[in-house]
Each structure stands twice: as C-alpha cells, then as structure tokens.
Protein backbone atom coordinates (compact mmCIF):
# COMPACT_ATOMS: atom_id res chain seq x y z
CA ILE A 1 -5.59 -21.20 -39.60
CA ALA A 2 -6.60 -23.92 -37.12
CA VAL A 3 -4.47 -25.53 -34.42
CA GLU A 4 -5.17 -28.42 -32.09
CA LEU A 5 -2.93 -29.61 -29.28
CA ASN A 6 -3.42 -32.47 -26.83
CA GLY A 7 -0.81 -33.66 -24.41
CA ALA A 8 0.47 -34.26 -20.91
CA ILE A 9 2.34 -31.61 -18.95
CA GLY A 10 3.30 -31.32 -15.31
CA GLY A 11 1.56 -34.58 -14.46
CA GLY A 12 -1.76 -33.39 -15.89
CA GLN A 13 -3.63 -33.05 -19.16
CA LEU A 14 -3.78 -30.08 -21.53
CA SER A 15 -5.88 -29.65 -24.65
CA VAL A 16 -6.04 -26.55 -26.84
CA SER A 17 -7.86 -25.78 -30.05
CA ALA A 18 -7.65 -22.39 -31.74
CA ALA A 19 -8.76 -20.95 -35.04
CA LEU A 20 -7.97 -17.65 -36.78
CA ASN A 21 -9.76 -16.16 -39.75
CA GLU A 22 -9.98 -12.77 -41.41
CA GLY A 23 -13.14 -10.72 -40.99
CA GLY A 24 -12.87 -7.48 -42.92
CA SER A 25 -10.02 -5.49 -41.39
CA SER A 26 -9.96 -7.61 -38.22
CA LEU A 27 -8.59 -10.98 -37.29
CA ASN A 28 -11.20 -13.18 -35.60
CA ALA A 29 -10.22 -15.87 -33.12
CA LYS A 30 -11.82 -18.85 -31.45
CA VAL A 31 -10.15 -20.54 -28.48
CA ASP A 32 -11.03 -23.63 -26.47
CA LEU A 33 -8.56 -24.55 -23.72
CA ALA A 34 -8.86 -27.15 -20.98
CA ALA A 35 -6.29 -28.15 -18.37
CA GLU A 36 -6.51 -30.40 -15.34
CA LYS A 37 -4.18 -31.44 -12.51
CA ILE A 38 -1.10 -29.60 -13.81
CA ALA A 39 1.85 -28.84 -11.53
CA ALA A 40 2.24 -25.08 -11.79
CA GLU A 41 6.04 -25.19 -11.50
CA SER A 42 6.18 -26.98 -14.85
CA LEU A 43 4.95 -23.77 -16.51
CA ASN A 44 7.77 -21.52 -15.26
CA LYS A 45 10.09 -22.29 -18.16
CA PHE A 46 7.35 -21.76 -20.74
CA LEU A 47 6.51 -18.38 -19.20
CA LEU A 48 10.21 -17.45 -18.97
CA LEU A 49 10.00 -17.27 -15.17
CA PRO A 50 12.75 -18.27 -12.73
CA GLU A 51 12.77 -21.87 -11.58
CA ASN A 52 10.40 -22.43 -8.62
CA TYR A 53 8.91 -18.93 -9.09
CA PHE A 54 5.38 -20.32 -9.22
CA SER A 55 4.37 -23.61 -7.63
CA GLY A 56 1.16 -25.38 -6.69
CA GLU A 57 -1.44 -27.26 -8.70
CA ILE A 58 -3.75 -26.01 -11.40
CA GLU A 59 -6.71 -28.22 -10.60
CA ARG A 60 -8.81 -26.92 -13.47
CA LEU A 61 -8.58 -24.27 -16.17
CA ALA A 62 -11.27 -23.91 -18.82
CA VAL A 63 -11.33 -21.10 -21.38
CA VAL A 64 -13.83 -20.79 -24.21
CA GLY A 65 -13.85 -17.58 -26.21
CA ALA A 66 -14.40 -15.91 -29.55
CA GLY A 67 -14.19 -12.46 -31.10
CA ALA A 68 -12.10 -10.00 -33.07
CA ILE A 69 -8.65 -9.78 -31.45
CA ASP A 70 -8.39 -5.98 -31.72
CA SER A 71 -12.00 -5.28 -30.67
CA PRO A 72 -12.76 -6.34 -27.08
CA ARG A 73 -16.39 -5.29 -27.53
CA THR A 74 -16.90 -8.35 -29.74
CA TRP A 75 -15.46 -10.81 -27.24
CA SER A 76 -17.64 -13.54 -25.76
CA GLY A 77 -16.87 -16.60 -23.68
CA THR A 78 -16.11 -17.92 -20.22
CA MET A 79 -13.10 -18.68 -18.05
CA SER A 80 -12.96 -20.90 -14.97
CA LEU A 81 -9.81 -21.36 -12.90
CA GLN A 82 -9.10 -23.36 -9.76
CA VAL A 83 -5.63 -23.43 -8.18
CA SER A 84 -4.56 -25.05 -4.91
CA ASP A 85 -1.51 -24.85 -2.64
CA ALA A 86 -0.06 -21.98 -4.67
CA HIS A 87 3.24 -20.28 -3.90
CA VAL A 88 4.82 -17.23 -5.51
CA PRO A 89 7.53 -15.08 -3.88
CA ALA A 90 6.23 -13.73 -0.52
CA VAL A 91 2.66 -14.94 -1.25
CA ASN A 92 1.14 -18.31 -0.37
CA PHE A 93 -2.48 -19.41 -0.47
CA ASP A 94 -4.41 -22.65 -0.14
CA LYS A 95 -7.09 -22.12 -2.79
CA CYS A 96 -7.90 -19.72 -5.59
CA ALA A 97 -11.05 -19.80 -7.71
CA VAL A 98 -11.93 -17.38 -10.53
CA GLU A 99 -15.05 -17.29 -12.70
CA ILE A 100 -15.33 -14.82 -15.62
CA SER A 101 -17.85 -14.49 -18.44
CA ALA A 102 -18.07 -12.11 -21.38
CA GLY A 103 -20.82 -11.28 -23.84
CA GLN A 104 -23.02 -8.48 -25.16
CA GLU A 105 -20.17 -5.97 -24.83
CA ARG A 106 -19.63 -6.63 -21.13
CA ALA A 107 -17.30 -8.76 -19.02
CA THR A 108 -18.42 -10.03 -15.62
CA LEU A 109 -16.09 -11.12 -12.86
CA GLN A 110 -18.59 -13.39 -11.15
CA SER A 111 -16.13 -14.23 -8.40
CA ALA A 112 -12.47 -14.26 -7.54
CA ASP A 113 -11.82 -15.92 -4.21
CA ILE A 114 -8.46 -16.47 -2.55
CA VAL A 115 -8.31 -18.46 0.69
CA GLN A 116 -5.40 -19.01 3.06
CA ASN A 117 -6.56 -20.87 6.15
CA GLU A 118 -8.83 -18.31 7.86
CA ASN A 119 -7.68 -15.43 5.63
CA GLU A 120 -9.96 -14.62 2.69
CA PHE A 121 -9.96 -12.19 -0.23
CA HIS A 122 -12.96 -11.72 -2.54
CA LEU A 123 -13.55 -9.77 -5.76
CA ASN A 124 -16.52 -9.36 -8.09
CA GLY A 125 -17.76 -6.83 -10.62
CA THR A 126 -18.41 -5.86 -14.22
CA ILE A 127 -16.71 -3.86 -16.96
CA ASP A 128 -18.05 -2.62 -20.28
CA LEU A 129 -15.74 -3.92 -22.98
CA PRO A 130 -14.19 -1.12 -25.10
CA ALA A 131 -14.11 -0.82 -28.86
CA THR A 132 -10.29 -0.92 -28.88
CA VAL A 133 -7.65 -2.45 -26.64
CA GLU A 134 -6.18 1.01 -25.97
CA ASP A 135 -9.39 2.04 -24.18
CA PHE A 136 -9.22 -0.70 -21.55
CA GLY A 137 -9.60 0.91 -18.12
CA ARG A 138 -11.61 3.87 -19.45
CA THR A 139 -15.01 2.24 -20.02
CA PRO A 140 -17.67 2.01 -17.27
CA ALA A 141 -16.84 -0.55 -14.60
CA SER A 142 -17.70 -1.45 -11.02
CA ILE A 143 -15.64 -3.78 -8.84
CA GLU A 144 -16.16 -4.67 -5.18
CA ILE A 145 -13.36 -5.88 -2.91
CA ALA A 146 -13.70 -7.46 0.52
CA GLY A 147 -11.51 -9.50 2.76
CA LYS A 148 -10.52 -10.51 6.24
CA ALA A 149 -7.24 -11.68 7.69
CA PRO A 150 -7.67 -13.04 11.22
CA ASP A 151 -4.13 -14.43 11.00
CA LEU A 152 -1.78 -11.69 9.75
CA GLU A 153 1.24 -13.70 10.85
CA LYS A 154 0.53 -16.40 8.28
CA LEU A 155 -0.49 -13.89 5.63
CA THR A 156 2.77 -11.94 5.91
CA ALA A 157 5.07 -14.94 6.33
CA GLY A 158 8.04 -14.42 4.04
CA VAL A 159 7.58 -10.64 3.94
CA PRO A 160 10.44 -8.55 5.44
CA VAL A 161 7.99 -6.72 7.74
CA GLY A 162 6.08 -9.54 9.40
CA LEU A 163 2.80 -8.67 11.13
CA THR A 164 0.53 -10.31 13.68
CA GLY A 165 -3.06 -9.66 14.68
CA SER A 166 -6.07 -9.28 12.39
CA VAL A 167 -7.45 -6.87 9.78
CA GLN A 168 -10.63 -6.52 7.74
CA PHE A 169 -11.07 -4.44 4.61
CA LYS A 170 -13.78 -3.48 2.15
CA GLY A 171 -13.62 -1.34 -0.95
CA LYS A 172 -15.10 -0.42 -4.30
CA ILE A 173 -13.74 0.75 -7.64
CA ASP A 174 -15.99 2.56 -10.13
CA ILE A 175 -15.14 3.93 -13.57
CA VAL A 176 -17.47 6.53 -15.09
CA ASP A 177 -16.61 8.74 -18.08
CA ALA A 178 -13.00 7.48 -18.02
CA ASN A 179 -12.66 8.60 -14.40
CA VAL A 180 -11.82 5.98 -11.80
CA GLN A 181 -13.02 6.45 -8.23
CA ALA A 182 -11.93 4.09 -5.48
CA THR A 183 -12.61 3.77 -1.77
CA LEU A 184 -11.03 1.41 0.74
CA ALA A 185 -11.77 1.04 4.45
CA VAL A 186 -9.45 -0.94 6.73
CA THR A 187 -9.83 -1.89 10.39
CA GLY A 188 -7.37 -3.83 12.50
CA ASP A 189 -7.05 -5.28 15.99
CA ALA A 190 -3.88 -6.05 17.96
CA VAL A 191 -1.70 -5.44 14.89
CA GLY A 192 1.81 -6.37 15.95
CA PHE A 193 5.12 -5.64 14.26
CA SER A 194 8.78 -5.93 15.22
CA ASP A 195 9.08 -4.70 18.86
CA GLY A 196 5.65 -3.08 18.81
CA ILE A 197 1.86 -3.35 18.65
CA VAL A 198 -1.18 -1.22 17.75
CA ASP A 199 -4.33 -2.13 19.67
CA ASN A 200 -6.77 -0.66 17.12
CA LEU A 201 -6.42 0.69 13.59
CA ASN A 202 -8.94 2.46 11.36
CA ALA A 203 -8.16 3.96 7.96
CA THR A 204 -10.14 5.19 4.96
CA LEU A 205 -8.65 5.90 1.55
CA ARG A 206 -10.39 7.69 -1.32
CA LEU A 207 -8.87 8.06 -4.76
CA SER A 208 -9.89 9.42 -8.13
CA LYS A 209 -8.03 9.70 -11.41
CA LYS A 210 -8.82 10.54 -15.01
CA ILE A 211 -7.65 7.59 -17.09
CA ALA A 212 -5.84 8.48 -20.29
CA ARG A 213 -5.58 6.16 -23.26
CA ALA A 214 -2.83 3.56 -23.06
CA ASP A 215 -0.90 5.32 -25.82
CA ALA A 216 -1.01 8.75 -24.10
CA GLN A 217 2.29 10.04 -22.72
CA ARG A 218 1.43 11.46 -19.29
CA PRO A 219 2.95 11.14 -15.81
CA TRP A 220 1.29 8.43 -13.72
CA PHE A 221 0.08 11.01 -11.17
CA ALA A 222 -1.63 13.31 -13.72
CA ASP A 223 -5.23 14.08 -12.59
CA LEU A 224 -4.69 12.01 -9.43
CA ARG A 225 -6.68 13.02 -6.34
CA THR A 226 -6.23 11.25 -3.01
CA ALA A 227 -7.56 11.61 0.52
CA MET A 228 -6.87 9.50 3.57
CA GLU A 229 -7.89 9.60 7.23
CA PHE A 230 -6.48 7.26 9.85
CA THR A 231 -6.63 6.63 13.60
CA LEU A 232 -4.37 4.36 15.63
CA THR A 233 -4.84 3.77 19.36
CA GLY A 234 -2.92 1.91 22.04
CA ILE A 235 0.53 2.07 20.44
CA ARG A 236 3.57 0.55 22.08
CA TYR A 237 7.05 0.38 20.53
CA ARG A 238 9.94 -0.91 22.61
CA ASP A 239 9.97 1.42 25.67
CA TYR A 240 7.64 4.00 24.12
CA ILE A 241 3.88 4.42 24.66
CA VAL A 242 1.41 6.52 22.65
CA ASP A 243 -2.31 6.75 23.35
CA SER A 244 -3.40 7.70 19.83
CA VAL A 245 -2.30 8.93 16.43
CA ASN A 246 -4.81 10.77 14.23
CA GLY A 247 -4.04 12.06 10.77
CA SER A 248 -5.25 13.04 7.34
CA MET A 249 -3.59 13.39 3.94
CA ASN A 250 -4.70 14.91 0.66
CA GLY A 251 -3.08 14.82 -2.75
CA THR A 252 -3.49 16.67 -6.04
CA ASP A 253 -1.46 15.54 -9.04
CA ASP A 254 2.16 15.24 -7.85
CA ILE A 255 1.69 17.04 -4.50
CA LEU A 256 0.85 14.91 -1.47
CA GLY A 257 -0.10 16.98 1.56
CA LEU A 258 0.15 15.81 5.16
CA ASP A 259 -2.65 17.99 6.54
CA ALA A 260 -2.13 17.04 10.15
CA VAL A 261 -0.81 14.09 12.11
CA THR A 262 -1.32 14.39 15.86
CA LEU A 263 0.31 12.04 18.34
CA ARG A 264 -1.04 12.14 21.91
CA ARG A 265 0.07 10.64 25.22
CA ASN A 266 -1.90 11.90 28.25
CA GLN A 267 -1.54 15.73 28.06
CA ASN A 268 1.45 15.58 25.71
CA GLU A 269 1.00 16.29 22.00
CA LEU A 270 3.22 16.07 18.94
CA SER A 271 1.90 17.43 15.63
CA VAL A 272 3.39 17.11 12.15
CA ARG A 273 2.35 18.84 8.92
CA GLY A 274 4.01 18.83 5.53
CA ARG A 275 3.95 18.00 1.88
CA TYR A 276 5.80 15.74 -0.54
CA GLN A 277 6.27 15.85 -4.31
CA LEU A 278 5.63 12.53 -6.01
CA PRO A 279 8.29 11.38 -8.50
CA GLU A 280 7.68 10.45 -12.12
CA ASN A 281 10.12 7.60 -11.56
CA ILE A 282 9.34 5.67 -8.37
CA GLY A 283 13.03 4.90 -8.02
CA ASN A 284 13.61 8.58 -7.16
CA ALA A 285 11.14 8.60 -4.24
CA SER A 286 13.81 8.99 -1.55
CA SER A 287 15.27 12.17 -3.11
CA GLN A 288 12.05 14.09 -3.88
CA PRO A 289 11.28 17.55 -2.43
CA VAL A 290 9.66 17.36 1.02
CA GLN A 291 8.64 19.89 3.66
CA LEU A 292 7.80 19.23 7.33
CA ASP A 293 6.64 21.37 10.24
CA ILE A 294 6.90 19.78 13.69
CA ALA A 295 5.60 20.98 17.07
CA LEU A 296 5.91 19.27 20.45
CA ASP A 297 4.13 20.42 23.60
CA ALA A 298 4.90 17.97 26.41
CA PRO A 299 4.06 19.01 30.00
CA GLU A 300 5.48 15.65 31.09
CA THR A 301 7.81 14.06 28.54
CA GLY A 302 8.28 10.98 30.68
CA ASP A 303 4.76 9.81 29.83
CA PHE A 304 6.07 8.67 26.45
CA TRP A 305 8.16 5.93 28.13
CA VAL A 306 7.21 2.90 30.19
CA ALA A 307 7.67 3.50 33.91
CA ASN A 308 10.87 1.46 34.33
CA SER A 309 12.66 2.52 31.13
CA PRO A 310 16.33 3.42 31.78
CA ASN A 311 16.20 5.84 28.84
CA LYS A 312 13.23 7.86 30.10
CA ILE A 313 13.46 11.65 29.98
CA SER A 314 10.98 13.34 32.33
CA GLY A 315 9.91 16.94 32.70
CA PRO A 316 8.24 19.58 30.51
CA LEU A 317 9.65 20.00 26.98
CA GLN A 318 8.64 22.11 23.98
CA MET A 319 9.97 21.97 20.44
CA THR A 320 9.20 23.52 17.06
CA GLY A 321 10.90 22.75 13.78
CA HIS A 322 10.75 23.37 10.04
CA ILE A 323 12.68 21.12 7.65
CA GLU A 324 12.61 21.03 3.87
CA ARG A 325 14.54 19.33 1.10
CA LYS A 326 14.91 20.73 -2.41
CA GLN A 327 17.09 19.23 -5.13
CA GLY A 328 18.62 16.93 -2.53
CA ILE A 329 19.65 19.80 -0.22
CA VAL A 330 18.20 19.96 3.31
CA ASP A 331 17.55 23.28 5.10
CA GLY A 332 15.61 24.17 8.24
CA GLN A 333 15.69 25.07 11.89
CA VAL A 334 14.74 23.54 15.26
CA LEU A 335 13.96 25.34 18.55
CA LEU A 336 13.98 23.42 21.85
CA SER A 337 13.19 24.49 25.41
CA GLY A 338 12.55 22.69 28.69
CA SER A 339 12.83 22.81 32.46
CA ASN A 340 13.53 20.35 35.26
CA LEU A 341 14.42 17.63 32.77
CA LYS A 342 15.66 14.39 34.28
CA MET A 343 17.40 11.38 32.80
CA ARG A 344 18.85 8.82 35.22
CA ASP A 345 21.14 10.88 37.54
CA LEU A 346 21.25 13.95 35.32
CA VAL A 347 19.02 16.96 36.08
CA VAL A 348 18.76 20.01 33.79
CA GLN A 349 16.94 22.88 35.49
CA ARG A 350 16.62 24.93 32.31
CA LEU A 351 17.35 24.12 28.68
CA SER A 352 17.21 26.30 25.59
CA ALA A 353 18.66 25.43 22.20
CA GLN A 354 18.42 26.62 18.62
CA SER A 355 19.79 24.69 15.66
CA SER A 356 19.75 25.43 11.94
CA ILE A 357 20.33 23.26 8.89
CA ALA A 358 21.92 24.80 5.81
CA ASN A 359 23.06 22.91 2.72
CA SER A 360 22.51 19.62 4.60
CA VAL A 361 24.86 20.67 7.43
CA ILE A 362 23.55 20.96 10.99
CA HIS A 363 24.65 24.05 12.95
CA LEU A 364 24.18 24.57 16.70
CA ASP A 365 23.41 28.29 16.77
CA GLU A 366 22.70 28.63 20.47
CA CYS A 367 22.54 26.34 23.50
CA SER A 368 22.03 27.13 27.15
CA ALA A 369 21.70 24.50 29.89
CA THR A 370 21.59 25.14 33.61
CA LEU A 371 22.27 22.13 35.84
CA ASN A 372 22.26 23.94 39.23
CA THR A 373 23.22 27.26 40.77
CA THR A 374 26.88 26.79 39.87
CA ASP A 375 26.99 24.42 36.86
CA TYR A 376 25.81 25.53 33.44
CA VAL A 377 26.64 25.38 29.73
CA ASN A 378 26.40 28.21 27.22
CA ALA A 379 27.33 27.69 23.57
C-alpha cells in the first residue's frame, strides 16, 4: 500500500508519502513527511483537541523513517522540528527545536531546546531501541537535562501559583537493566510567591525504579525509591520570618518518609517528622494515611514575626504533638506550655494545655492559664 498527499493547511504546505508492505510476520513502513509554515491552531480539530488548545507556527517539520512497525529495533530515520510562538494551556514559549535520529538499534536525541526570552530548557541523550514496543523504557538509555529560568514570573504566567525570581536546574536519567535512576539538582534566588519570598533555595532529588513491561499490572509506585534533601534560607511570608528550613525525605514503594524538617529562627526551632502512604489512584491523595510528629522549642516566639506586627506573640513557648490519619479518621494529641506570653495588651504569666483528637473530633482535655495573681483560667 502506498499513499501520497500534498496540500495546503493552516497557511502552509504539507506533503506526506507512506508505504506499507509485509515482511514475514511484520508490517514494514516507510514514511516521508515535510511541513512548513503551518499555523498550529489549524491542527487542533484533526488531533481532536479543544479549539485554541495549541497555537503558534510550525516553521518546519521533517520526518524520514523506515522499519517494522512492531519492532523498534529495526527503525531508522531522522526527525527535525522547529516551532515558534507556541502556546498551550499554562505554557508559552518563543522557540522550540528538536533533532532526533535513529539507526543501528539506537535512537539519539541530538537536541531538544525550548526558549522563552531568557528562560531556556535543554535535553539530549540516547536510548537503545527495544525488540518490541512493550519494552520501551526498559532498554539502556541516558538523558541529560539542563535549564535556567532567570525570569520565573514570565515562565509561570498563567499558572495559579505565580512565581518570581530565578532558578537553575540540572539532571540526568539513566536506564540500566530495566532500572531507571534519576537525579535533579535545583537552585534558586529571590524566589517570590504570593505574599512571600525565599532568598535562596537548594534541593536535590534522587529516584530509582524498576521498570516493568507496559503490559504488566503493577501499582505505579512498585519498586520506587526516592530521596530528597532541601535547604531554604531567608524566608518571609506576610508578617512571619524564618531564617532557614532544612529537610530530607526518603521513600520506599508506597511509603514516603519525612525524615526531618527543621525550621529555625534565631534560637527558636520547629521540627516535623512523619510519613505518608502514596495512593494507587492519585485522585485519592488527600485521604491517604499520614502520620506527623511536631515539636516546637521557642525561647522567644516573637522572633517569628516582624517587629511591628499587630499579631505578634512574644515569650517562651513549647509544644509537642502527634497526629495521624487512618481510613479518613484523624487521631492524636497536642501538648502546649509557655510563660510570660504577650499579645497586644494581653499577658499570660503561665500557660499549660493538653488537647486530644479522637475520631476526627478535637477535645480540650486540660487547660490552665494564669494572667496575674488574681485572674486565671482552669478547664
């Protein structure tokens, strides 16, 4: 079977020639496609996408390839793509260029470059083509990722959580013996968000996972291993100030552990530990089992607020808490103690409270507050 098509679409030119023929038990294909100066929005209806979902201009697309359809190892050819002024929901970029070649049982991503003003994203790497389509993602591969975003405000325009500042990132993905290993390092400066800013950000993520065949029925988190370390410094949010946040997380299969997150402001320290069970269905993420242990040791609580904040609470305060959720039911307890606590015109000389949570209901088990020599509260 041979097909040839030449025509005009979206203000540009498109030509396609394809041929299919039987080769033993396989179906061999040859494809030659060329497109120039095509308005991308004209393709939405052909791809069954909403109107105006994809816009921009496909300056050039050239695909030449041959091989047995069901045997990627036999594929050979090249692909070149150049797109400008592209827009998809929440993502806009000025230029995109991709160059791919395949042959001798290997595919090479020579380059994939996305540019948005000063923001840049780059990809390159290789993958050994598998004998069958089902083994894609399991054969040896190596991909490098790098990018910089000096203008986060433009990059995140249209996203509900808009950011400002700059970030840089670099990573690598390797597949060996059907096991994928990935690393990603991110640094950021003056990263701003709604009502807040982080002066410096550093994070490292490591991930590994045994890749099953596409037809295997396994949860997405099976054989997943994750580790992450992060440090944030110079944090300000509304009236609150934090000097630094340091933390690490580790995950095995469906259990994600929060080893330690420590928040510091001068001599004050808040630490959080816990774990979370990943869902098979991402839609159930908000109802999954979770466990948290919290400890606050604050010799001067007022350090957490800016000096002129009307909501500032000053004085020494200590707190410990354990909270867990199972099958949608929350249980736990919180202990609180402090002395010489001040907020506006209110002074509490001594405070002690104990609260418990049972079946998602909060109970005040004990509370004692002394305001002065004559005024106090016991409950």
